[in-house]
Amino acid sequence: MLDTDKRQEVIYFTGTEVEHTIMYGQKTLFVVGIQPVEDIILRAKEHGIEHIYLGTSQSFKPQSGQDWQNWDTMITPLLKAKLWVTLDFGVEYAKDLHEEGWNEFDRFIPMISVKLPYIKLYNYNATLKIDDTTWGDTNPGVWSHHLPSLMNKAQFTGWHQYTQDTIIK
């Protein structure tokens, strides 16, 4: 079983995509941090995998221009190799991510991670607002979603579903 502690100790592991994205149910190679493209492609081929999940274990944390370049040096060749690539990134990187051009690839899946601790403690009136940086800046408006309606069982992935992955060397 690959629990949270073990996930942070490994670089590569395989499993079935359990999060409700376009790749739900697909065999996936999960990659922690920045790794050599050749190694990723080799492991994907060895295991018959076409979906690469990057930023695993919350490892996408670029701090400098060089960090962004290192991520691009990994992501763009994987996309050009016609692999499906999910990048799990915190919402704080949303604005900068568009500068990389990854969204131009049909097989790129931006997994925007919004951390909301204790979400079940909000009352029934709670609303999630998808906003802009400021009024009229980059979006045509805002989207408001009744929080309980977003938290339906069809989109839920319980923590126990993340324990069936296999470490690969």
C-alpha atoms as a PDB file:
ATOM      1  CA  MET A   1       0.000   0.000   0.000  1.00  0.00           C
ATOM      2  CA  LEU A   2       1.341   3.418  -0.980  1.00  0.00           C
ATOM      3  CA  ASP A   3       0.272   5.892   1.719  1.00  0.00           C
ATOM      4  CA  THR A   4       1.114   9.589   2.031  1.00  0.00           C
ATOM      5  CA  ASP A   5       4.477   9.034   3.737  1.00  0.00           C
ATOM      6  CA  LYS A   6       5.578   6.490   1.135  1.00  0.00           C
ATOM      7  CA  ARG A   7       4.407   8.741  -1.721  1.00  0.00           C
ATOM      8  CA  GLN A   8       6.793  11.464  -0.596  1.00  0.00           C
ATOM      9  CA  GLU A   9       9.731   9.048  -0.623  1.00  0.00           C
ATOM     10  CA  VAL A  10       9.352   7.830  -4.218  1.00  0.00           C
ATOM     11  CA  ILE A  11       9.817   9.409  -7.628  1.00  0.00           C
ATOM     12  CA  TYR A  12       7.749   7.114  -9.845  1.00  0.00           C
ATOM     13  CA  PHE A  13       4.710   4.969  -9.200  1.00  0.00           C
ATOM     14  CA  THR A  14       1.913   3.550 -11.281  1.00  0.00           C
ATOM     15  CA  GLY A  15      -1.766   3.202 -10.623  1.00  0.00           C
ATOM     16  CA  THR A  16      -5.200   3.918 -11.959  1.00  0.00           C
ATOM     17  CA  GLU A  17      -6.280   7.554 -12.170  1.00  0.00           C
ATOM     18  CA  VAL A  18      -8.899   7.904  -9.422  1.00  0.00           C
ATOM     19  CA  GLU A  19      -9.547  11.640  -9.692  1.00  0.00           C
ATOM     20  CA  HIS A  20     -12.475  12.592 -11.886  1.00  0.00           C
ATOM     21  CA  THR A  21     -10.688  14.062 -14.889  1.00  0.00           C
ATOM     22  CA  ILE A  22     -10.854  13.101 -18.553  1.00  0.00           C
ATOM     23  CA  MET A  23      -8.313  10.351 -17.703  1.00  0.00           C
ATOM     24  CA  TYR A  24     -10.384   8.789 -14.891  1.00  0.00           C
ATOM     25  CA  GLY A  25      -9.822   5.029 -14.772  1.00  0.00           C
ATOM     26  CA  GLN A  26      -6.705   5.098 -16.970  1.00  0.00           C
ATOM     27  CA  LYS A  27      -3.418   3.460 -16.072  1.00  0.00           C
ATOM     28  CA  THR A  28      -1.144   6.323 -15.039  1.00  0.00           C
ATOM     29  CA  LEU A  29       2.517   7.009 -14.329  1.00  0.00           C
ATOM     30  CA  PHE A  30       2.777   9.394 -11.393  1.00  0.00           C
ATOM     31  CA  VAL A  31       5.950  11.489 -11.239  1.00  0.00           C
ATOM     32  CA  VAL A  32       7.220  13.449  -8.247  1.00  0.00           C
ATOM     33  CA  GLY A  33       9.248  16.572  -9.052  1.00  0.00           C
ATOM     34  CA  ILE A  34      11.296  17.271 -12.157  1.00  0.00           C
ATOM     35  CA  GLN A  35      12.700  14.134 -13.758  1.00  0.00           C
ATOM     36  CA  PRO A  36      14.521  13.369 -17.023  1.00  0.00           C
ATOM     37  CA  VAL A  37      12.106  13.111 -19.958  1.00  0.00           C
ATOM     38  CA  GLU A  38      13.867  10.006 -21.261  1.00  0.00           C
ATOM     39  CA  ASP A  39      13.310   8.220 -17.933  1.00  0.00           C
ATOM     40  CA  ILE A  40       9.624   9.157 -17.873  1.00  0.00           C
ATOM     41  CA  ILE A  41       9.020   7.970 -21.438  1.00  0.00           C
ATOM     42  CA  LEU A  42      10.958   4.733 -20.811  1.00  0.00           C
ATOM     43  CA  ARG A  43       8.915   3.929 -17.701  1.00  0.00           C
ATOM     44  CA  ALA A  44       5.663   4.795 -19.468  1.00  0.00           C
ATOM     45  CA  LYS A  45       6.512   2.470 -22.374  1.00  0.00           C
ATOM     46  CA  GLU A  46       7.664  -0.332 -20.045  1.00  0.00           C
ATOM     47  CA  HIS A  47       4.290  -0.248 -18.293  1.00  0.00           C
ATOM     48  CA  GLY A  48       2.092   0.442 -21.338  1.00  0.00           C
ATOM     49  CA  ILE A  49       1.071   3.867 -20.027  1.00  0.00           C
ATOM     50  CA  GLU A  50      -0.075   6.891 -22.037  1.00  0.00           C
ATOM     51  CA  HIS A  51      -1.009   9.193 -19.137  1.00  0.00           C
ATOM     52  CA  ILE A  52       1.639  10.987 -17.073  1.00  0.00           C
ATOM     53  CA  TYR A  53       0.599  12.764 -13.862  1.00  0.00           C
ATOM     54  CA  LEU A  54       3.137  15.460 -12.949  1.00  0.00           C
ATOM     55  CA  GLY A  55       3.294  17.501  -9.765  1.00  0.00           C
ATOM     56  CA  THR A  56       2.455  14.375  -7.794  1.00  0.00           C
ATOM     57  CA  SER A  57       2.610  14.705  -4.006  1.00  0.00           C
ATOM     58  CA  GLN A  58       2.274  18.489  -4.390  1.00  0.00           C
ATOM     59  CA  SER A  59       5.734  18.677  -5.959  1.00  0.00           C
ATOM     60  CA  PHE A  60       5.025  21.491  -8.435  1.00  0.00           C
ATOM     61  CA  LYS A  61       6.487  24.529  -6.651  1.00  0.00           C
ATOM     62  CA  PRO A  62       8.496  26.674  -9.064  1.00  0.00           C
ATOM     63  CA  GLN A  63      10.150  29.619  -7.338  1.00  0.00           C
ATOM     64  CA  SER A  64      12.291  31.117 -10.101  1.00  0.00           C
ATOM     65  CA  GLY A  65      12.433  31.521 -13.853  1.00  0.00           C
ATOM     66  CA  GLN A  66      14.893  28.630 -13.967  1.00  0.00           C
ATOM     67  CA  ASP A  67      12.427  26.412 -12.081  1.00  0.00           C
ATOM     68  CA  TRP A  68       9.741  27.216 -14.665  1.00  0.00           C
ATOM     69  CA  GLN A  69      12.226  26.424 -17.451  1.00  0.00           C
ATOM     70  CA  ASN A  70      13.051  23.080 -15.842  1.00  0.00           C
ATOM     71  CA  TRP A  71       9.368  22.160 -15.694  1.00  0.00           C
ATOM     72  CA  ASP A  72       8.916  23.235 -19.320  1.00  0.00           C
ATOM     73  CA  THR A  73      11.926  21.145 -20.374  1.00  0.00           C
ATOM     74  CA  MET A  74      10.081  18.134 -18.963  1.00  0.00           C
ATOM     75  CA  ILE A  75       6.453  18.899 -19.863  1.00  0.00           C
ATOM     76  CA  THR A  76       6.695  20.118 -23.458  1.00  0.00           C
ATOM     77  CA  PRO A  77       8.589  17.056 -24.800  1.00  0.00           C
ATOM     78  CA  LEU A  78       6.082  14.737 -23.107  1.00  0.00           C
ATOM     79  CA  LEU A  79       3.226  16.585 -24.786  1.00  0.00           C
ATOM     80  CA  LYS A  80       5.047  16.538 -28.136  1.00  0.00           C
ATOM     81  CA  ALA A  81       5.434  12.772 -27.677  1.00  0.00           C
ATOM     82  CA  LYS A  82       1.606  12.627 -27.764  1.00  0.00           C
ATOM     83  CA  LEU A  83       1.306  11.528 -24.147  1.00  0.00           C
ATOM     84  CA  TRP A  84      -1.550  12.726 -21.951  1.00  0.00           C
ATOM     85  CA  VAL A  85      -0.048  14.982 -19.285  1.00  0.00           C
ATOM     86  CA  THR A  86      -1.807  16.120 -16.131  1.00  0.00           C
ATOM     87  CA  LEU A  87      -0.068  18.828 -14.128  1.00  0.00           C
ATOM     88  CA  ASP A  88      -1.317  19.144 -10.562  1.00  0.00           C
ATOM     89  CA  PHE A  89      -0.626  22.699  -9.426  1.00  0.00           C
ATOM     90  CA  GLY A  90      -1.810  25.049  -6.721  1.00  0.00           C
ATOM     91  CA  VAL A  91      -4.188  27.813  -7.711  1.00  0.00           C
ATOM     92  CA  GLU A  92      -1.478  30.334  -6.799  1.00  0.00           C
ATOM     93  CA  TYR A  93       0.323  29.348 -10.040  1.00  0.00           C
ATOM     94  CA  ALA A  94      -2.734  29.781 -12.288  1.00  0.00           C
ATOM     95  CA  LYS A  95      -1.717  33.126 -13.797  1.00  0.00           C
ATOM     96  CA  ASP A  96       1.908  32.178 -14.519  1.00  0.00           C
ATOM     97  CA  LEU A  97       0.996  28.792 -15.964  1.00  0.00           C
ATOM     98  CA  HIS A  98      -0.541  30.357 -19.070  1.00  0.00           C
ATOM     99  CA  GLU A  99       2.816  31.785 -20.134  1.00  0.00           C
ATOM    100  CA  GLU A 100       4.230  28.301 -20.734  1.00  0.00           C
ATOM    101  CA  GLY A 101       1.986  27.418 -23.691  1.00  0.00           C
ATOM    102  CA  TRP A 102       1.055  23.975 -22.353  1.00  0.00           C
ATOM    103  CA  ASN A 103      -2.654  24.747 -22.711  1.00  0.00           C
ATOM    104  CA  GLU A 104      -2.148  24.797 -26.486  1.00  0.00           C
ATOM    105  CA  PHE A 105      -1.783  21.002 -26.411  1.00  0.00           C
ATOM    106  CA  ASP A 106      -5.022  18.990 -26.556  1.00  0.00           C
ATOM    107  CA  ARG A 107      -3.545  16.333 -24.261  1.00  0.00           C
ATOM    108  CA  PHE A 108      -2.609  18.730 -21.457  1.00  0.00           C
ATOM    109  CA  ILE A 109      -4.805  18.502 -18.371  1.00  0.00           C
ATOM    110  CA  PRO A 110      -4.383  21.363 -15.909  1.00  0.00           C
ATOM    111  CA  MET A 111      -5.364  20.055 -12.454  1.00  0.00           C
ATOM    112  CA  ILE A 112      -5.933  23.261 -10.500  1.00  0.00           C
ATOM    113  CA  SER A 113      -5.633  22.411  -6.819  1.00  0.00           C
ATOM    114  CA  VAL A 114      -7.538  24.672  -4.445  1.00  0.00           C
ATOM    115  CA  LYS A 115      -6.883  23.832  -0.809  1.00  0.00           C
ATOM    116  CA  LEU A 116      -9.998  24.281   1.357  1.00  0.00           C
ATOM    117  CA  PRO A 117      -9.362  22.770   4.794  1.00  0.00           C
ATOM    118  CA  TYR A 118     -12.390  21.675   6.822  1.00  0.00           C
ATOM    119  CA  ILE A 119     -14.708  22.119   3.843  1.00  0.00           C
ATOM    120  CA  LYS A 120     -17.423  19.947   5.405  1.00  0.00           C
ATOM    121  CA  LEU A 121     -17.708  22.394   8.325  1.00  0.00           C
ATOM    122  CA  TYR A 122     -19.113  25.218   6.174  1.00  0.00           C
ATOM    123  CA  ASN A 123     -22.846  25.657   6.455  1.00  0.00           C
ATOM    124  CA  TYR A 124     -25.355  24.946   3.690  1.00  0.00           C
ATOM    125  CA  ASN A 125     -25.137  28.519   2.335  1.00  0.00           C
ATOM    126  CA  ALA A 126     -21.419  28.330   1.490  1.00  0.00           C
ATOM    127  CA  THR A 127     -20.533  29.466  -2.028  1.00  0.00           C
ATOM    128  CA  LEU A 128     -17.344  28.973  -4.010  1.00  0.00           C
ATOM    129  CA  LYS A 129     -16.607  31.971  -6.218  1.00  0.00           C
ATOM    130  CA  ILE A 130     -14.302  31.606  -9.198  1.00  0.00           C
ATOM    131  CA  ASP A 131     -13.069  35.156  -9.473  1.00  0.00           C
ATOM    132  CA  ASP A 132     -10.618  37.311 -11.405  1.00  0.00           C
ATOM    133  CA  THR A 133      -7.528  39.095 -10.123  1.00  0.00           C
ATOM    134  CA  THR A 134      -9.575  42.286 -10.038  1.00  0.00           C
ATOM    135  CA  TRP A 135     -12.757  43.584 -11.622  1.00  0.00           C
ATOM    136  CA  GLY A 136     -12.694  43.131 -15.411  1.00  0.00           C
ATOM    137  CA  ASP A 137      -9.029  42.086 -15.584  1.00  0.00           C
ATOM    138  CA  THR A 138      -8.826  38.737 -17.416  1.00  0.00           C
ATOM    139  CA  ASN A 139     -12.216  36.989 -17.134  1.00  0.00           C
ATOM    140  CA  PRO A 140     -15.607  38.021 -18.525  1.00  0.00           C
ATOM    141  CA  GLY A 141     -17.087  37.865 -15.012  1.00  0.00           C
ATOM    142  CA  VAL A 142     -17.257  35.512 -12.044  1.00  0.00           C
ATOM    143  CA  TRP A 143     -18.796  32.085 -11.450  1.00  0.00           C
ATOM    144  CA  SER A 144     -20.468  31.337  -8.136  1.00  0.00           C
ATOM    145  CA  HIS A 145     -21.197  27.730  -7.188  1.00  0.00           C
ATOM    146  CA  HIS A 146     -23.256  26.558  -4.261  1.00  0.00           C
ATOM    147  CA  LEU A 147     -20.626  24.556  -2.376  1.00  0.00           C
ATOM    148  CA  PRO A 148     -22.867  21.621  -1.410  1.00  0.00           C
ATOM    149  CA  SER A 149     -23.823  21.112  -5.075  1.00  0.00           C
ATOM    150  CA  LEU A 150     -20.137  20.851  -6.034  1.00  0.00           C
ATOM    151  CA  MET A 151     -19.510  18.204  -3.391  1.00  0.00           C
ATOM    152  CA  ASN A 152     -21.531  15.388  -4.952  1.00  0.00           C
ATOM    153  CA  LYS A 153     -20.574  11.712  -4.721  1.00  0.00           C
ATOM    154  CA  ALA A 154     -20.013  11.363  -8.464  1.00  0.00           C
ATOM    155  CA  GLN A 155     -17.013  13.729  -8.259  1.00  0.00           C
ATOM    156  CA  PHE A 156     -15.675  12.611  -4.870  1.00  0.00           C
ATOM    157  CA  THR A 157     -12.428  10.655  -4.471  1.00  0.00           C
ATOM    158  CA  GLY A 158     -11.905   9.261  -0.976  1.00  0.00           C
ATOM    159  CA  TRP A 159      -8.389   9.072   0.453  1.00  0.00           C
ATOM    160  CA  HIS A 160      -8.593   5.269   0.550  1.00  0.00           C
ATOM    161  CA  GLN A 161      -8.674   5.252  -3.265  1.00  0.00           C
ATOM    162  CA  TYR A 162      -5.092   6.565  -3.373  1.00  0.00           C
ATOM    163  CA  THR A 163      -3.579   3.507  -1.713  1.00  0.00           C
ATOM    164  CA  GLN A 164      -3.446   0.999  -4.581  1.00  0.00           C
ATOM    165  CA  ASP A 165      -0.459   2.440  -6.487  1.00  0.00           C
ATOM    166  CA  THR A 166       2.771   0.552  -7.158  1.00  0.00           C
ATOM    167  CA  ILE A 167       6.257   2.026  -6.732  1.00  0.00           C
ATOM    168  CA  ILE A 168       8.554   1.618  -9.728  1.00  0.00           C
ATOM    169  CA  LYS A 169      12.293   2.084  -9.745  1.00  0.00           C
END
